[in-house]
């Protein structure tokens, strides 16, 4: 199979999984590691992928991946992460769920909980939780971001400031090696900082693709995070920061 045939499938896998690995592509295509490394180098030279140790990721950008593409990334891992997160949320508490496809997965896993007050700036989450008569849902209001159903801006922040949350369950666009949470939209970043400030326990839900991605806007350091729920080992430097900050790491499993 020549590169022109492998190329679209390699890119499709990268979009679906968040990254591709040499070993995984060798097994998938039945070719040598040298062939795959050459393929990835050529795709990197054309700007379609970015090489990282052991494989490649989608190119770094100052613009986030489209919402529908994000929904397809690591779907199985997101369900596992959401399930592990939901198991750590008790009944009868106040929760904030922010913008993101993984937090939407958490919302689905919370449907059997009772006595929850959920505040969200994510219209998709409000729709998911509307099927439960055991969960009270408050939507913040704010400027609608049509691309993903997020609500941002001063009105969202003002609503959040009226509450104190037992748990905030948040996502991020990228997690730097040093444990810093990063995002793309400055208005969303301002909302996220308000969520963190108003919450007793902050849980970050992030699959391993976030370890390889880059985003330009700083949200928070690991000191602000109580628990990370993820699917694979966090980078060594990030693990060190978790240890220093007392941040628990929970690994989800199928």
Protein backbone atom coordinates (compact mmCIF):
# COMPACT_ATOMS: atom_id res chain seq x y z
CA UNK A 1 0.00 0.00 0.00
CA UNK A 2 1.59 3.26 -1.08
CA UNK A 3 1.54 6.48 0.95
CA UNK A 4 -1.16 8.07 -1.21
CA UNK A 5 -3.48 5.28 -0.07
CA UNK A 6 -2.30 5.18 3.56
CA UNK A 7 -2.23 8.97 3.98
CA UNK A 8 -5.97 9.70 4.38
CA UNK A 9 -6.38 6.76 6.74
CA UNK A 10 -3.41 7.84 8.89
CA UNK A 11 -4.91 11.34 9.17
CA UNK A 12 -8.35 9.88 9.92
CA UNK A 13 -6.88 7.79 12.75
CA UNK A 14 -5.10 10.86 14.12
CA UNK A 15 -8.36 12.82 14.12
CA UNK A 16 -10.26 9.97 15.74
CA UNK A 17 -7.68 9.03 18.39
CA UNK A 18 -5.90 12.35 18.90
CA UNK A 19 -2.55 10.87 17.85
CA UNK A 20 -1.00 7.99 15.92
CA UNK A 21 1.89 5.78 17.00
CA UNK A 22 4.46 4.02 14.85
CA UNK A 23 3.71 0.68 16.52
CA UNK A 24 -0.03 1.08 16.08
CA UNK A 25 0.27 1.96 12.40
CA UNK A 26 2.68 -0.93 11.79
CA UNK A 27 0.05 -3.32 13.16
CA UNK A 28 -2.75 -1.59 11.29
CA UNK A 29 -1.13 -1.53 7.85
CA UNK A 30 1.19 -4.53 8.13
CA UNK A 31 4.27 -2.61 6.97
CA UNK A 32 7.67 -1.97 8.53
CA UNK A 33 8.38 0.68 11.18
CA UNK A 34 10.75 2.35 8.72
CA UNK A 35 7.92 2.72 6.22
CA UNK A 36 5.61 4.27 8.80
CA UNK A 37 8.30 6.65 10.04
CA UNK A 38 8.87 7.77 6.46
CA UNK A 39 5.11 8.26 6.00
CA UNK A 40 4.87 10.37 9.14
CA UNK A 41 7.89 12.43 8.16
CA UNK A 42 6.33 13.21 4.76
CA UNK A 43 3.01 14.12 6.39
CA UNK A 44 4.87 16.38 8.82
CA UNK A 45 6.72 18.06 5.97
CA UNK A 46 3.40 18.93 4.32
CA UNK A 47 2.01 20.25 7.62
CA UNK A 48 -0.72 17.63 7.92
CA UNK A 49 0.72 16.07 11.09
CA UNK A 50 3.29 17.03 13.72
CA UNK A 51 5.93 14.48 14.73
CA UNK A 52 6.24 13.56 18.41
CA UNK A 53 8.21 10.81 20.11
CA UNK A 54 6.90 7.46 18.90
CA UNK A 55 4.37 8.84 16.44
CA UNK A 56 2.55 12.00 15.38
CA UNK A 57 -0.30 14.30 16.41
CA UNK A 58 -2.52 16.79 14.66
CA UNK A 59 -0.64 20.03 13.96
CA UNK A 60 -0.39 22.62 16.74
CA UNK A 61 -2.59 25.61 16.12
CA UNK A 62 -4.06 28.64 17.83
CA UNK A 63 -7.53 27.43 16.79
CA UNK A 64 -9.27 24.51 18.47
CA UNK A 65 -10.34 21.38 16.60
CA UNK A 66 -13.94 21.59 15.38
CA UNK A 67 -16.55 20.38 17.89
CA UNK A 68 -17.79 17.44 15.82
CA UNK A 69 -14.20 16.24 15.37
CA UNK A 70 -13.54 16.59 19.11
CA UNK A 71 -16.60 14.46 19.84
CA UNK A 72 -15.04 11.66 17.78
CA UNK A 73 -11.64 11.79 19.50
CA UNK A 74 -10.99 8.91 21.93
CA UNK A 75 -14.68 8.21 22.45
CA UNK A 76 -14.15 4.97 24.38
CA UNK A 77 -11.62 6.64 26.69
CA UNK A 78 -13.99 9.53 27.37
CA UNK A 79 -16.71 7.10 28.46
CA UNK A 80 -14.26 5.33 30.79
CA UNK A 81 -13.06 8.65 32.20
CA UNK A 82 -16.62 9.88 32.66
CA UNK A 83 -17.62 6.69 34.47
CA UNK A 84 -14.61 6.89 36.83
CA UNK A 85 -15.38 10.55 37.52
CA UNK A 86 -19.09 10.01 38.18
CA UNK A 87 -18.31 7.25 40.70
CA UNK A 88 -16.50 9.85 42.80
CA UNK A 89 -19.44 12.25 42.88
CA UNK A 90 -21.87 11.65 45.77
CA UNK A 91 -25.59 12.26 45.67
CA UNK A 92 -27.01 15.45 47.14
CA UNK A 93 -24.31 17.94 46.17
CA UNK A 94 -23.80 21.01 43.99
CA UNK A 95 -21.76 20.57 40.82
CA UNK A 96 -20.52 22.70 37.96
CA UNK A 97 -19.96 21.09 34.55
CA UNK A 98 -18.22 23.25 31.95
CA UNK A 99 -17.79 23.23 28.18
CA UNK A 100 -16.33 20.11 26.60
CA UNK A 101 -17.08 16.75 25.06
CA UNK A 102 -15.65 14.85 28.04
CA UNK A 103 -17.76 16.80 30.52
CA UNK A 104 -20.76 15.96 28.35
CA UNK A 105 -19.85 12.29 28.76
CA UNK A 106 -19.74 12.85 32.54
CA UNK A 107 -23.23 14.33 32.41
CA UNK A 108 -24.53 11.12 30.83
CA UNK A 109 -22.89 9.08 33.61
CA UNK A 110 -24.56 11.23 36.29
CA UNK A 111 -28.10 10.48 35.16
CA UNK A 112 -28.62 7.84 37.86
CA UNK A 113 -27.53 10.19 40.66
CA UNK A 114 -30.08 11.78 42.98
CA UNK A 115 -30.35 15.15 44.63
CA UNK A 116 -27.86 16.95 42.42
CA UNK A 117 -27.84 20.63 41.62
CA UNK A 118 -25.92 21.04 38.38
CA UNK A 119 -24.98 24.46 37.05
CA UNK A 120 -23.54 24.52 33.54
CA UNK A 121 -22.51 26.84 30.74
CA UNK A 122 -22.94 24.02 28.24
CA UNK A 123 -26.30 23.74 26.49
CA UNK A 124 -25.55 20.16 25.45
CA UNK A 125 -25.12 19.16 29.11
CA UNK A 126 -28.41 20.84 30.06
CA UNK A 127 -30.16 18.82 27.36
CA UNK A 128 -28.57 15.57 28.54
CA UNK A 129 -29.55 16.11 32.17
CA UNK A 130 -33.07 17.31 31.36
CA UNK A 131 -34.21 13.67 31.18
CA UNK A 132 -33.67 13.19 34.94
CA UNK A 133 -36.22 14.42 37.47
CA UNK A 134 -33.64 13.84 40.24
CA UNK A 135 -31.26 16.53 38.99
CA UNK A 136 -31.95 20.26 39.11
CA UNK A 137 -30.25 22.07 36.25
CA UNK A 138 -29.34 25.75 36.06
CA UNK A 139 -27.94 27.21 32.84
CA UNK A 140 -25.69 30.22 33.34
CA UNK A 141 -26.75 32.27 30.37
CA UNK A 142 -24.17 34.21 28.41
CA UNK A 143 -23.06 34.62 24.83
CA UNK A 144 -23.81 31.44 22.88
CA UNK A 145 -20.85 29.93 21.07
CA UNK A 146 -22.66 28.18 18.27
CA UNK A 147 -19.73 25.93 17.41
CA UNK A 148 -20.14 23.82 20.56
CA UNK A 149 -23.12 25.04 22.59
CA UNK A 150 -20.93 26.84 25.12
CA UNK A 151 -22.02 29.96 27.00
CA UNK A 152 -19.30 32.49 27.72
CA UNK A 153 -18.82 36.13 28.72
CA UNK A 154 -19.69 38.34 31.70
CA UNK A 155 -23.22 37.00 32.17
CA UNK A 156 -21.90 33.45 32.56
CA UNK A 157 -19.29 34.62 35.08
CA UNK A 158 -21.83 36.66 37.04
CA UNK A 159 -24.12 33.64 37.36
CA UNK A 160 -21.28 31.38 38.53
CA UNK A 161 -20.32 33.93 41.18
CA UNK A 162 -23.74 33.45 42.82
CA UNK A 163 -22.89 29.87 43.80
CA UNK A 164 -20.45 27.79 45.82
CA UNK A 165 -19.90 24.32 44.34
CA UNK A 166 -18.93 21.11 46.10
CA UNK A 167 -17.41 19.85 42.85
CA UNK A 168 -16.40 21.42 39.56
CA UNK A 169 -15.84 19.00 36.70
CA UNK A 170 -13.86 20.71 33.98
CA UNK A 171 -12.00 19.89 30.80
CA UNK A 172 -9.18 21.64 29.00
CA UNK A 173 -7.89 21.84 25.45
CA UNK A 174 -4.30 20.98 26.37
CA UNK A 175 -2.28 19.94 29.41
CA UNK A 176 1.34 21.09 29.37
CA UNK A 177 4.18 18.90 30.57
CA UNK A 178 4.45 21.06 33.70
CA UNK A 179 0.79 20.51 34.54
CA UNK A 180 -0.60 23.85 33.33
CA UNK A 181 -4.12 23.73 31.88
CA UNK A 182 -4.38 25.56 28.55
CA UNK A 183 -7.22 26.64 26.28
CA UNK A 184 -7.98 28.69 23.15
CA UNK A 185 -10.80 31.17 23.88
CA UNK A 186 -9.94 33.94 26.37
CA UNK A 187 -13.58 34.40 27.29
CA UNK A 188 -13.86 30.70 28.09
CA UNK A 189 -10.64 30.93 30.10
CA UNK A 190 -12.12 33.73 32.23
CA UNK A 191 -15.20 31.60 32.90
CA UNK A 192 -13.04 28.59 33.81
CA UNK A 193 -11.05 30.64 36.32
CA UNK A 194 -14.29 31.75 37.95
CA UNK A 195 -15.51 28.13 38.14
CA UNK A 196 -12.28 27.05 39.84
CA UNK A 197 -12.43 29.93 42.33
CA UNK A 198 -16.02 29.07 43.33
CA UNK A 199 -15.45 25.33 43.82
CA UNK A 200 -14.27 23.31 46.82
CA UNK A 201 -13.05 20.35 44.77
CA UNK A 202 -11.96 20.68 41.13
CA UNK A 203 -11.83 17.55 38.98
CA UNK A 204 -10.08 17.69 35.62
CA UNK A 205 -11.27 15.11 33.08
CA UNK A 206 -8.77 14.77 30.23
CA UNK A 207 -7.82 11.90 27.93
CA UNK A 208 -4.22 11.31 26.89
CA UNK A 209 -4.53 13.27 23.64
CA UNK A 210 -4.47 16.46 25.73
CA UNK A 211 -0.88 15.67 26.78
CA UNK A 212 0.33 16.09 23.19
CA UNK A 213 -1.76 19.10 22.18
CA UNK A 214 -0.86 22.77 22.47
CA UNK A 215 -3.06 25.78 23.21
CA UNK A 216 -2.03 29.39 23.85
CA UNK A 217 -4.12 30.60 26.81
CA UNK A 218 -3.32 29.76 30.45
CA UNK A 219 -6.24 28.56 32.59
CA UNK A 220 -4.71 27.28 35.83
CA UNK A 221 -1.75 25.47 37.34
CA UNK A 222 -1.95 22.02 38.88
CA UNK A 223 -2.20 23.64 42.33
CA UNK A 224 -5.82 24.51 41.50
CA UNK A 225 -6.77 20.92 40.65
CA UNK A 226 -7.86 18.42 43.30
CA UNK A 227 -8.14 15.36 41.05
CA UNK A 228 -7.21 14.40 37.49
CA UNK A 229 -9.19 11.62 35.87
CA UNK A 230 -7.45 10.34 32.76
CA UNK A 231 -6.89 7.16 30.75
CA UNK A 232 -3.10 6.84 30.53
CA UNK A 233 -0.02 7.78 32.54
CA UNK A 234 0.51 11.52 32.78
CA UNK A 235 3.90 12.89 31.68
CA UNK A 236 6.66 12.67 34.31
CA UNK A 237 6.91 16.44 34.89
CA UNK A 238 3.14 16.69 35.29
CA UNK A 239 3.20 13.75 37.74
CA UNK A 240 5.82 15.60 39.77
CA UNK A 241 3.62 18.70 39.90
CA UNK A 242 0.68 16.57 41.01
CA UNK A 243 2.79 15.15 43.82
CA UNK A 244 3.88 18.64 44.90
CA UNK A 245 0.32 20.01 44.72
CA UNK A 246 -1.34 17.01 46.35
CA UNK A 247 -3.41 16.39 43.23
CA UNK A 248 -4.84 12.87 43.04
CA UNK A 249 -4.52 11.02 39.74
CA UNK A 250 -7.28 8.54 38.87
CA UNK A 251 -6.76 6.22 35.92
CA UNK A 252 -9.92 5.07 34.20
CA UNK A 253 -10.10 1.57 32.80
CA UNK A 254 -12.51 -0.27 30.53
